Amino acid sequence: MDAFCNYHAANVMKKRKLATSIVIFVFLLKLEMEKEKESHHFPAKLQLRLDWSEMDLFGHINNVMYFKFIQASRVNFWEHVGFMNRYFKDKIGPILVSSGCQFKKPLFYPDNIVVEVRIEFIKTTSIGLHHRILNSKNEIAAEAHDVIVLYNFNSNEKVPIPIELRAAIENLK
């Protein structure tokens, strides 16, 4: 009887270890799938090379430069959806209302980075953007959030986003 109990207990322990391993595997797989899925939700990407002149006294890229990278990403987005063409056509274009950045990891020279952007929201006159700065190891170095308003530079007032620009923005989602 004792041998049977020991054999049964050993089998139960093996099954529990196997079940635990399966649960961990499924959890890690889901985590990886979410990471992959999240990456695809940043449709506009801009590759940049870090420059020696962007470093500060402490040997890493200065935090002000992160805003320069975010600006480059924002302007790239504006060009991609047609904001710049619209501005040159009738002086209606985007203006930055707010920008904030959370610094996650330092960046160092030499390196290349990718600045990704996705649309967080589209309202009548405004758009929210979410940027990520990734280092060459694909680690998130910073995340930023912008609010942009479409502005008529002739009448000095915000204006609704035209249908064709809204469609171009929606296509990026």
Foldseek 3Di string as FASTA:
>chain_A
DVVVVVVVVVVVVVVVVVVVVVVVVVVVVVVVVVVVVVVVQQQDKDKDWDDPVQDDPVQFGDPVVVVVVVVVSVVSVCVQLPQVVVCVVQNKHKDWDDKDKDFDATHHPGWMKMKTKHWPDADFFKTKIKIFIATPVRDTGMIMIIIMGTARPVVGGTGGDDPSSVVSNVVSD
